[in-house]
């Protein structure tokens, strides 16, 4: 499978046009733009606040925010907006988490939470995030039981969404996009 979780190289410097587009996506996600820092750090990712720091931490955004052309793996092919949602809605909402940063369950939670809660994502972006969550568990040789929300996204919207789930702002069913 081409793109086994890799993305474009983190060494790629984002140009002004790309940064402008990414900043627009941050706003579409109802995210706090002040925590996003472009062409900073070693790779795209959430940086937890230090022990005595207040606030939600920082999100570094580098060239690896860009998808890998022709990739099939959900982490490799997901949109930049889905990646930004993973970092903001999935990680920055849990500063000082007890989960080890980068651990499969931290990454699973980030993708699952972003798929469920991030505003203004397409159905496909939510599917990619949910697929990434499942892949994180598989790659760690962990068995997970799918729930109604996972089954809804994996059914391409043919199953009913779970009654307990409140679709986020801007949510559209497949075919409404």
N, C-alpha and C. Protein backbone atom coordinates (compact mmCIF):
# COMPACT_ATOMS: atom_id res chain seq x y z
N UNK A 1 0.86 -1.18 0.00
CA UNK A 1 0.00 0.00 0.00
C UNK A 1 0.90 1.23 0.00
N UNK A 2 0.70 2.10 -0.96
CA UNK A 2 1.49 3.32 -1.04
C UNK A 2 1.08 4.26 0.08
N UNK A 3 2.07 4.84 0.75
CA UNK A 3 1.79 5.78 1.82
C UNK A 3 1.33 5.07 3.07
N UNK A 4 2.24 4.42 3.76
CA UNK A 4 1.87 3.67 4.96
C UNK A 4 1.86 4.63 6.15
N UNK A 5 1.08 5.67 6.06
CA UNK A 5 0.98 6.64 7.13
C UNK A 5 1.86 7.85 6.94
N UNK A 6 2.74 7.82 5.91
CA UNK A 6 3.58 8.99 5.68
C UNK A 6 2.79 10.07 4.96
N UNK A 7 3.32 11.28 5.04
CA UNK A 7 2.76 12.40 4.31
C UNK A 7 3.91 13.08 3.58
N UNK A 8 3.67 14.22 2.98
CA UNK A 8 4.75 14.99 2.37
C UNK A 8 5.81 15.25 3.44
N UNK A 9 7.04 15.41 3.07
CA UNK A 9 8.13 15.61 4.03
C UNK A 9 7.90 16.84 4.91
N UNK A 10 8.19 16.70 6.19
CA UNK A 10 8.11 17.83 7.12
C UNK A 10 9.13 18.90 6.76
N UNK A 11 10.15 18.52 5.98
CA UNK A 11 11.17 19.48 5.56
C UNK A 11 10.70 20.45 4.49
N UNK A 12 9.56 20.17 3.88
CA UNK A 12 9.00 21.08 2.88
C UNK A 12 8.54 22.35 3.59
N UNK A 13 9.03 23.49 3.11
CA UNK A 13 8.65 24.77 3.71
C UNK A 13 7.35 25.24 3.06
N UNK A 14 6.38 25.53 3.90
CA UNK A 14 5.09 26.03 3.40
C UNK A 14 5.27 27.45 2.90
N UNK A 15 4.73 27.74 1.71
CA UNK A 15 4.85 29.11 1.19
C UNK A 15 3.68 29.96 1.69
N UNK A 16 3.72 31.24 1.39
CA UNK A 16 2.71 32.17 1.90
C UNK A 16 1.30 31.80 1.45
N UNK A 17 1.16 31.34 0.21
CA UNK A 17 -0.17 30.96 -0.29
C UNK A 17 -0.70 29.74 0.47
N UNK A 18 0.16 28.75 0.70
CA UNK A 18 -0.26 27.57 1.46
C UNK A 18 -0.62 27.94 2.89
N UNK A 19 0.19 28.78 3.50
CA UNK A 19 -0.10 29.21 4.88
C UNK A 19 -1.42 29.97 4.93
N UNK A 20 -1.67 30.83 3.94
CA UNK A 20 -2.94 31.56 3.88
C UNK A 20 -4.13 30.61 3.78
N UNK A 21 -4.00 29.58 2.94
CA UNK A 21 -5.08 28.59 2.80
C UNK A 21 -5.28 27.82 4.09
N UNK A 22 -4.18 27.43 4.73
CA UNK A 22 -4.27 26.69 5.99
C UNK A 22 -4.88 27.55 7.10
N UNK A 23 -4.54 28.82 7.13
CA UNK A 23 -5.14 29.72 8.13
C UNK A 23 -6.64 29.84 7.92
N UNK A 24 -7.08 29.84 6.66
CA UNK A 24 -8.51 29.87 6.37
C UNK A 24 -9.17 28.58 6.87
N UNK A 25 -8.52 27.45 6.68
CA UNK A 25 -9.06 26.18 7.18
C UNK A 25 -9.14 26.17 8.70
N UNK A 26 -8.16 26.76 9.38
CA UNK A 26 -8.20 26.88 10.84
C UNK A 26 -9.46 27.63 11.25
N UNK A 27 -9.76 28.73 10.57
CA UNK A 27 -10.96 29.51 10.89
C UNK A 27 -12.23 28.70 10.62
N UNK A 28 -12.25 27.94 9.51
CA UNK A 28 -13.41 27.10 9.19
C UNK A 28 -13.65 26.05 10.27
N UNK A 29 -12.60 25.65 10.96
CA UNK A 29 -12.71 24.64 12.02
C UNK A 29 -13.10 25.25 13.36
N UNK A 30 -13.35 26.56 13.37
CA UNK A 30 -13.64 27.27 14.63
C UNK A 30 -12.53 27.05 15.65
N UNK A 31 -11.31 26.99 15.17
CA UNK A 31 -10.15 26.78 16.02
C UNK A 31 -9.52 28.12 16.40
N UNK A 32 -8.78 28.13 17.48
CA UNK A 32 -8.08 29.32 17.94
C UNK A 32 -6.82 29.50 17.10
N UNK A 33 -6.80 30.50 16.20
CA UNK A 33 -5.65 30.65 15.30
C UNK A 33 -4.34 30.97 16.03
N UNK A 34 -4.43 31.49 17.24
CA UNK A 34 -3.21 31.91 17.95
C UNK A 34 -2.32 30.73 18.36
N UNK A 35 -2.85 29.52 18.36
CA UNK A 35 -2.01 28.39 18.78
C UNK A 35 -1.36 27.67 17.60
N UNK A 36 -1.66 28.09 16.37
CA UNK A 36 -1.08 27.49 15.18
C UNK A 36 0.17 28.27 14.78
N UNK A 37 1.28 27.55 14.62
CA UNK A 37 2.56 28.16 14.26
C UNK A 37 3.09 27.43 13.03
N UNK A 38 3.33 28.18 11.96
CA UNK A 38 3.68 27.59 10.67
C UNK A 38 5.20 27.59 10.45
N UNK A 39 5.68 26.50 9.82
CA UNK A 39 7.10 26.30 9.53
C UNK A 39 7.94 26.36 10.81
N UNK A 40 7.39 25.82 11.89
CA UNK A 40 8.05 25.79 13.20
C UNK A 40 8.06 24.34 13.67
N UNK A 41 9.08 23.97 14.42
CA UNK A 41 9.15 22.61 14.97
C UNK A 41 9.69 21.62 13.96
N UNK A 42 9.72 20.35 14.37
CA UNK A 42 10.27 19.30 13.50
C UNK A 42 9.22 18.69 12.59
N UNK A 43 7.96 18.72 13.01
CA UNK A 43 6.88 18.09 12.24
C UNK A 43 5.56 18.71 12.66
N UNK A 44 4.53 18.47 11.87
CA UNK A 44 3.19 18.92 12.25
C UNK A 44 2.77 18.13 13.48
N UNK A 45 2.31 18.84 14.48
CA UNK A 45 1.85 18.15 15.67
C UNK A 45 1.52 19.09 16.80
N UNK A 46 0.83 18.55 17.76
CA UNK A 46 0.44 19.29 18.96
C UNK A 46 1.57 19.22 19.98
N UNK A 47 1.87 20.35 20.59
CA UNK A 47 2.87 20.43 21.65
C UNK A 47 2.15 20.82 22.93
N UNK A 48 2.16 19.92 23.90
CA UNK A 48 1.46 20.19 25.16
C UNK A 48 2.12 21.35 25.89
N UNK A 49 1.32 22.10 26.66
CA UNK A 49 1.92 23.18 27.45
C UNK A 49 2.85 22.59 28.51
N UNK A 50 3.90 23.33 28.80
CA UNK A 50 4.81 22.89 29.86
C UNK A 50 4.07 22.93 31.19
N UNK A 51 4.61 22.27 32.18
CA UNK A 51 3.93 22.09 33.47
C UNK A 51 3.38 23.39 34.06
N UNK A 52 4.14 24.46 34.01
CA UNK A 52 3.72 25.72 34.64
C UNK A 52 3.08 26.70 33.66
N UNK A 53 2.96 26.31 32.39
CA UNK A 53 2.35 27.19 31.38
C UNK A 53 0.83 27.11 31.43
N UNK A 54 0.21 28.25 31.26
CA UNK A 54 -1.25 28.28 31.12
C UNK A 54 -1.58 28.11 29.64
N UNK A 55 -2.81 27.81 29.35
CA UNK A 55 -3.24 27.75 27.96
C UNK A 55 -3.23 26.35 27.37
N UNK A 56 -3.65 26.28 26.11
CA UNK A 56 -3.87 24.98 25.47
C UNK A 56 -2.65 24.35 24.81
N UNK A 57 -1.50 25.01 24.81
CA UNK A 57 -0.35 24.47 24.09
C UNK A 57 -0.24 25.09 22.71
N UNK A 58 0.55 24.44 21.82
CA UNK A 58 0.78 24.98 20.48
C UNK A 58 0.59 23.86 19.45
N UNK A 59 0.28 24.27 18.25
CA UNK A 59 0.24 23.32 17.14
C UNK A 59 1.24 23.80 16.10
N UNK A 60 2.26 22.98 15.86
CA UNK A 60 3.24 23.28 14.82
C UNK A 60 2.70 22.71 13.51
N UNK A 61 2.84 23.48 12.44
CA UNK A 61 2.37 23.04 11.13
C UNK A 61 3.53 23.17 10.15
N UNK A 62 3.91 22.04 9.58
CA UNK A 62 5.01 21.99 8.62
C UNK A 62 4.54 21.34 7.32
N UNK A 63 5.46 21.08 6.43
CA UNK A 63 5.13 20.50 5.12
C UNK A 63 4.41 19.18 5.19
N UNK A 64 4.58 18.44 6.30
CA UNK A 64 3.90 17.14 6.40
C UNK A 64 2.41 17.26 6.67
N UNK A 65 1.90 18.48 6.74
CA UNK A 65 0.44 18.67 6.79
C UNK A 65 -0.17 18.34 5.42
N UNK A 66 0.66 18.40 4.38
CA UNK A 66 0.19 18.15 3.01
C UNK A 66 0.09 16.65 2.74
N UNK A 67 -0.98 16.21 2.07
CA UNK A 67 -1.13 14.77 1.78
C UNK A 67 -0.07 14.27 0.81
N UNK A 68 0.12 12.97 0.82
CA UNK A 68 1.04 12.31 -0.10
C UNK A 68 0.23 11.92 -1.34
N UNK A 69 0.62 12.45 -2.48
CA UNK A 69 -0.11 12.18 -3.73
C UNK A 69 -0.19 10.69 -4.02
N UNK A 70 -1.37 10.21 -4.36
CA UNK A 70 -1.57 8.83 -4.76
C UNK A 70 -1.58 7.83 -3.61
N UNK A 71 -1.57 8.31 -2.39
CA UNK A 71 -1.54 7.41 -1.23
C UNK A 71 -2.91 6.82 -0.95
N UNK A 72 -2.92 5.63 -0.36
CA UNK A 72 -4.18 4.97 -0.01
C UNK A 72 -4.43 4.94 1.50
N UNK A 73 -3.37 4.97 2.28
CA UNK A 73 -3.49 4.94 3.74
C UNK A 73 -4.22 6.21 4.20
N UNK A 74 -5.20 6.10 5.10
CA UNK A 74 -5.97 7.29 5.49
C UNK A 74 -5.11 8.42 6.06
N UNK A 75 -4.08 8.10 6.79
CA UNK A 75 -3.22 9.14 7.36
C UNK A 75 -2.42 9.83 6.27
N UNK A 76 -2.08 9.12 5.22
CA UNK A 76 -1.29 9.68 4.13
C UNK A 76 -2.12 10.53 3.19
N UNK A 77 -3.39 10.17 3.03
CA UNK A 77 -4.22 10.83 2.02
C UNK A 77 -5.19 11.86 2.57
N UNK A 78 -5.39 11.91 3.89
CA UNK A 78 -6.41 12.83 4.41
C UNK A 78 -6.05 14.28 4.13
N UNK A 79 -7.06 15.10 4.03
CA UNK A 79 -6.90 16.51 3.68
C UNK A 79 -6.16 17.27 4.77
N UNK A 80 -5.64 18.43 4.39
CA UNK A 80 -4.99 19.29 5.38
C UNK A 80 -5.98 19.71 6.46
N UNK A 81 -7.21 19.96 6.08
CA UNK A 81 -8.22 20.37 7.07
C UNK A 81 -8.47 19.26 8.08
N UNK A 82 -8.49 18.01 7.62
CA UNK A 82 -8.66 16.88 8.54
C UNK A 82 -7.47 16.78 9.49
N UNK A 83 -6.26 17.00 8.98
CA UNK A 83 -5.06 16.97 9.84
C UNK A 83 -5.14 18.07 10.89
N UNK A 84 -5.51 19.28 10.47
CA UNK A 84 -5.63 20.39 11.42
C UNK A 84 -6.71 20.10 12.46
N UNK A 85 -7.81 19.47 12.04
CA UNK A 85 -8.88 19.09 12.99
C UNK A 85 -8.36 18.05 13.97
N UNK A 86 -7.59 17.09 13.50
CA UNK A 86 -6.99 16.06 14.37
C UNK A 86 -6.15 16.74 15.45
N UNK A 87 -5.32 17.70 15.06
CA UNK A 87 -4.44 18.36 16.03
C UNK A 87 -5.22 19.24 16.99
N UNK A 88 -6.19 20.01 16.47
CA UNK A 88 -6.91 20.96 17.33
C UNK A 88 -8.01 20.29 18.14
N UNK A 89 -8.96 19.65 17.44
CA UNK A 89 -10.11 19.06 18.13
C UNK A 89 -9.75 17.76 18.84
N UNK A 90 -8.71 17.09 18.38
CA UNK A 90 -8.34 15.82 18.97
C UNK A 90 -7.25 15.88 20.02
N UNK A 91 -6.31 16.82 19.87
CA UNK A 91 -5.22 16.92 20.84
C UNK A 91 -5.32 18.17 21.71
N UNK A 92 -5.48 19.34 21.11
CA UNK A 92 -5.45 20.59 21.89
C UNK A 92 -6.60 20.69 22.89
N UNK A 93 -7.66 19.92 22.67
CA UNK A 93 -8.77 19.93 23.62
C UNK A 93 -8.47 19.09 24.86
N UNK A 94 -7.33 18.39 24.85
CA UNK A 94 -6.93 17.54 25.98
C UNK A 94 -5.52 17.90 26.45
N UNK A 95 -5.28 19.17 26.79
CA UNK A 95 -3.93 19.51 27.26
C UNK A 95 -3.63 18.77 28.56
N UNK A 96 -2.39 18.45 28.73
CA UNK A 96 -1.93 17.75 29.95
C UNK A 96 -2.62 16.39 30.11
N UNK A 97 -2.90 15.74 29.01
CA UNK A 97 -3.52 14.42 29.06
C UNK A 97 -2.60 13.43 29.78
N UNK A 98 -3.19 12.42 30.34
CA UNK A 98 -2.40 11.35 30.97
C UNK A 98 -1.88 10.36 29.93
N UNK A 99 -2.48 10.41 28.74
CA UNK A 99 -2.01 9.52 27.68
C UNK A 99 -0.64 10.00 27.20
N UNK A 100 0.22 9.06 26.89
CA UNK A 100 1.55 9.39 26.40
C UNK A 100 1.42 10.02 25.01
N UNK A 101 1.97 11.24 24.79
CA UNK A 101 1.89 11.85 23.46
C UNK A 101 2.45 10.91 22.39
N UNK A 102 1.69 10.73 21.34
CA UNK A 102 2.09 9.84 20.25
C UNK A 102 1.70 8.39 20.44
N UNK A 103 1.22 8.03 21.62
CA UNK A 103 0.78 6.65 21.86
C UNK A 103 -0.44 6.36 21.00
N UNK A 104 -0.64 5.09 20.67
CA UNK A 104 -1.74 4.74 19.77
C UNK A 104 -3.08 5.25 20.30
N UNK A 105 -3.31 5.16 21.63
CA UNK A 105 -4.61 5.55 22.16
C UNK A 105 -4.78 7.07 22.18
N UNK A 106 -3.69 7.82 22.30
CA UNK A 106 -3.76 9.28 22.19
C UNK A 106 -4.12 9.66 20.75
N UNK A 107 -3.49 9.00 19.79
CA UNK A 107 -3.75 9.29 18.37
C UNK A 107 -5.13 8.78 17.95
N UNK A 108 -5.54 7.62 18.47
CA UNK A 108 -6.88 7.11 18.21
C UNK A 108 -7.92 8.12 18.68
N UNK A 109 -7.78 8.57 19.93
CA UNK A 109 -8.74 9.53 20.49
C UNK A 109 -8.76 10.81 19.66
N UNK A 110 -7.59 11.29 19.22
CA UNK A 110 -7.53 12.53 18.45
C UNK A 110 -8.30 12.42 17.14
N UNK A 111 -8.09 11.34 16.41
CA UNK A 111 -8.80 11.19 15.13
C UNK A 111 -10.28 10.93 15.34
N UNK A 112 -10.63 10.08 16.29
CA UNK A 112 -12.04 9.78 16.57
C UNK A 112 -12.77 11.06 17.00
N UNK A 113 -12.17 11.81 17.92
CA UNK A 113 -12.81 13.03 18.43
C UNK A 113 -12.97 14.06 17.33
N UNK A 114 -11.95 14.24 16.50
CA UNK A 114 -12.05 15.19 15.40
C UNK A 114 -13.16 14.79 14.43
N UNK A 115 -13.26 13.49 14.11
CA UNK A 115 -14.32 13.02 13.22
C UNK A 115 -15.69 13.31 13.80
N UNK A 116 -15.83 13.14 15.10
CA UNK A 116 -17.13 13.30 15.75
C UNK A 116 -17.51 14.75 16.02
N UNK A 117 -16.52 15.61 16.32
CA UNK A 117 -16.84 16.94 16.85
C UNK A 117 -16.40 18.14 16.02
N UNK A 118 -15.43 17.99 15.15
CA UNK A 118 -14.92 19.16 14.44
C UNK A 118 -15.97 19.72 13.49
N UNK A 119 -16.19 21.03 13.52
CA UNK A 119 -17.17 21.63 12.62
C UNK A 119 -16.64 21.74 11.19
N UNK A 120 -17.57 21.74 10.26
CA UNK A 120 -17.31 22.07 8.86
C UNK A 120 -16.38 21.12 8.11
N UNK A 121 -16.28 19.88 8.55
CA UNK A 121 -15.55 18.88 7.78
C UNK A 121 -16.52 18.22 6.81
N UNK A 122 -15.99 17.74 5.69
CA UNK A 122 -16.83 16.98 4.78
C UNK A 122 -17.04 15.58 5.36
N UNK A 123 -18.01 14.87 4.83
CA UNK A 123 -18.25 13.49 5.26
C UNK A 123 -17.00 12.66 5.00
N UNK A 124 -16.37 12.86 3.85
CA UNK A 124 -15.14 12.12 3.49
C UNK A 124 -14.02 12.39 4.49
N UNK A 125 -13.87 13.65 4.90
CA UNK A 125 -12.83 13.97 5.89
C UNK A 125 -13.11 13.26 7.22
N UNK A 126 -14.37 13.18 7.60
CA UNK A 126 -14.73 12.47 8.83
C UNK A 126 -14.45 10.97 8.67
N UNK A 127 -14.75 10.42 7.50
CA UNK A 127 -14.44 9.01 7.25
C UNK A 127 -12.94 8.75 7.35
N UNK A 128 -12.14 9.63 6.75
CA UNK A 128 -10.69 9.46 6.80
C UNK A 128 -10.17 9.51 8.23
N UNK A 129 -10.70 10.43 9.02
CA UNK A 129 -10.29 10.50 10.43
C UNK A 129 -10.69 9.24 11.19
N UNK A 130 -11.90 8.75 10.94
CA UNK A 130 -12.35 7.54 11.62
C UNK A 130 -11.52 6.33 11.17
N UNK A 131 -11.20 6.26 9.87
CA UNK A 131 -10.34 5.18 9.37
C UNK A 131 -8.95 5.27 10.00
N UNK A 132 -8.46 6.50 10.16
CA UNK A 132 -7.16 6.67 10.81
C UNK A 132 -7.20 6.18 12.25
N UNK A 133 -8.27 6.48 12.96
CA UNK A 133 -8.40 6.02 14.35
C UNK A 133 -8.29 4.50 14.42
N UNK A 134 -9.02 3.82 13.55
CA UNK A 134 -9.00 2.35 13.53
C UNK A 134 -7.61 1.84 13.14
N UNK A 135 -6.97 2.49 12.17
CA UNK A 135 -5.63 2.09 11.74
C UNK A 135 -4.64 2.21 12.89
N UNK A 136 -4.78 3.26 13.71
CA UNK A 136 -3.87 3.44 14.86
C UNK A 136 -3.96 2.23 15.79
N UNK A 137 -5.16 1.77 16.04
CA UNK A 137 -5.33 0.60 16.90
C UNK A 137 -4.74 -0.64 16.23
N UNK A 138 -5.03 -0.84 14.94
CA UNK A 138 -4.51 -2.00 14.22
C UNK A 138 -2.99 -2.01 14.23
N UNK A 139 -2.38 -0.86 13.98
CA UNK A 139 -0.91 -0.77 13.93
C UNK A 139 -0.28 -1.08 15.29
N UNK A 140 -1.03 -0.87 16.36
CA UNK A 140 -0.54 -1.18 17.71
C UNK A 140 -0.97 -2.58 18.15
N UNK A 141 -1.54 -3.34 17.21
CA UNK A 141 -2.05 -4.69 17.50
C UNK A 141 -3.08 -4.67 18.63
N UNK A 142 -3.91 -3.65 18.62
CA UNK A 142 -4.98 -3.53 19.60
C UNK A 142 -6.30 -3.81 18.91
N UNK A 143 -7.13 -4.51 19.58
CA UNK A 143 -8.44 -4.84 19.06
C UNK A 143 -9.45 -3.85 19.64
N UNK A 144 -10.25 -3.26 18.80
CA UNK A 144 -11.28 -2.34 19.27
C UNK A 144 -12.63 -2.79 18.72
N UNK A 145 -13.66 -2.47 19.44
CA UNK A 145 -15.01 -2.79 19.01
C UNK A 145 -15.60 -1.53 18.38
N UNK A 146 -16.09 -1.65 17.15
CA UNK A 146 -16.66 -0.47 16.51
C UNK A 146 -17.99 -0.12 17.17
N UNK A 147 -18.25 1.17 17.24
CA UNK A 147 -19.51 1.63 17.82
C UNK A 147 -20.41 2.16 16.70
N UNK A 148 -21.56 2.66 17.06
CA UNK A 148 -22.56 3.10 16.07
C UNK A 148 -22.05 4.26 15.22
N UNK A 149 -21.25 5.15 15.81
CA UNK A 149 -20.74 6.28 15.03
C UNK A 149 -19.73 5.80 13.99
N UNK A 150 -18.88 4.88 14.36
CA UNK A 150 -17.93 4.31 13.40
C UNK A 150 -18.67 3.61 12.27
N UNK A 151 -19.65 2.80 12.64
CA UNK A 151 -20.42 2.07 11.62
C UNK A 151 -21.14 3.04 10.69
N UNK A 152 -21.64 4.14 11.21
CA UNK A 152 -22.31 5.15 10.39
C UNK A 152 -21.34 5.70 9.33
N UNK A 153 -20.15 6.09 9.76
CA UNK A 153 -19.20 6.64 8.79
C UNK A 153 -18.69 5.58 7.82
N UNK A 154 -18.47 4.36 8.30
CA UNK A 154 -17.98 3.31 7.42
C UNK A 154 -19.05 2.82 6.45
N UNK A 155 -20.32 3.10 6.73
CA UNK A 155 -21.41 2.69 5.83
C UNK A 155 -21.66 3.72 4.74
N UNK A 156 -20.83 4.76 4.67
CA UNK A 156 -21.03 5.87 3.72
C UNK A 156 -22.34 6.59 3.96
N UNK A 157 -22.81 6.56 5.20
CA UNK A 157 -24.03 7.26 5.55
C UNK A 157 -25.30 6.46 5.34
N UNK A 158 -25.18 5.19 4.92
CA UNK A 158 -26.38 4.38 4.72
C UNK A 158 -26.99 3.92 6.03
N UNK A 159 -26.16 3.71 7.04
CA UNK A 159 -26.69 3.39 8.37
C UNK A 159 -27.19 4.68 9.01
N UNK A 160 -28.06 4.56 9.97
CA UNK A 160 -28.53 5.75 10.68
C UNK A 160 -27.44 6.22 11.64
N UNK A 161 -27.29 7.55 11.78
CA UNK A 161 -26.35 8.03 12.78
C UNK A 161 -26.87 7.68 14.17
N UNK A 162 -26.00 7.48 15.12
CA UNK A 162 -26.46 7.11 16.47
C UNK A 162 -27.27 8.24 17.10
N UNK A 163 -28.29 7.88 17.84
CA UNK A 163 -29.17 8.86 18.48
C UNK A 163 -28.41 9.72 19.49
N UNK A 164 -27.35 9.18 20.09
CA UNK A 164 -26.60 9.91 21.11
C UNK A 164 -25.65 10.95 20.53
N UNK A 165 -25.42 10.92 19.22
CA UNK A 165 -24.45 11.81 18.59
C UNK A 165 -25.12 13.09 18.11
N UNK A 166 -24.55 14.22 18.46
CA UNK A 166 -25.02 15.51 17.97
C UNK A 166 -24.08 15.94 16.84
N UNK A 167 -24.55 15.95 15.60
CA UNK A 167 -23.68 16.35 14.50
C UNK A 167 -23.16 17.78 14.71
N UNK A 168 -21.89 18.02 14.43
CA UNK A 168 -21.32 19.35 14.63
C UNK A 168 -21.79 20.35 13.58
N UNK A 169 -21.51 21.61 13.84
CA UNK A 169 -21.86 22.70 12.93
C UNK A 169 -21.34 22.40 11.52
N UNK A 170 -22.18 22.64 10.54
CA UNK A 170 -21.78 22.46 9.15
C UNK A 170 -21.82 21.03 8.66
N UNK A 171 -22.33 20.10 9.49
CA UNK A 171 -22.35 18.69 9.08
C UNK A 171 -23.32 18.49 7.93
N UNK A 172 -22.87 17.73 6.94
CA UNK A 172 -23.72 17.38 5.80
C UNK A 172 -23.61 15.88 5.55
N UNK A 173 -24.75 15.28 5.25
CA UNK A 173 -24.79 13.87 4.86
C UNK A 173 -24.10 13.71 3.51
N UNK A 174 -23.65 12.50 3.18
CA UNK A 174 -23.11 12.29 1.83
C UNK A 174 -24.17 12.66 0.80
N UNK A 175 -23.76 13.30 -0.26
CA UNK A 175 -24.69 13.73 -1.29
C UNK A 175 -25.22 15.14 -1.08
N UNK A 176 -25.10 15.66 0.14
CA UNK A 176 -25.53 17.04 0.42
C UNK A 176 -24.37 18.02 0.26
N UNK A 177 -23.18 17.48 0.09
CA UNK A 177 -21.99 18.34 0.05
C UNK A 177 -21.80 18.96 -1.31
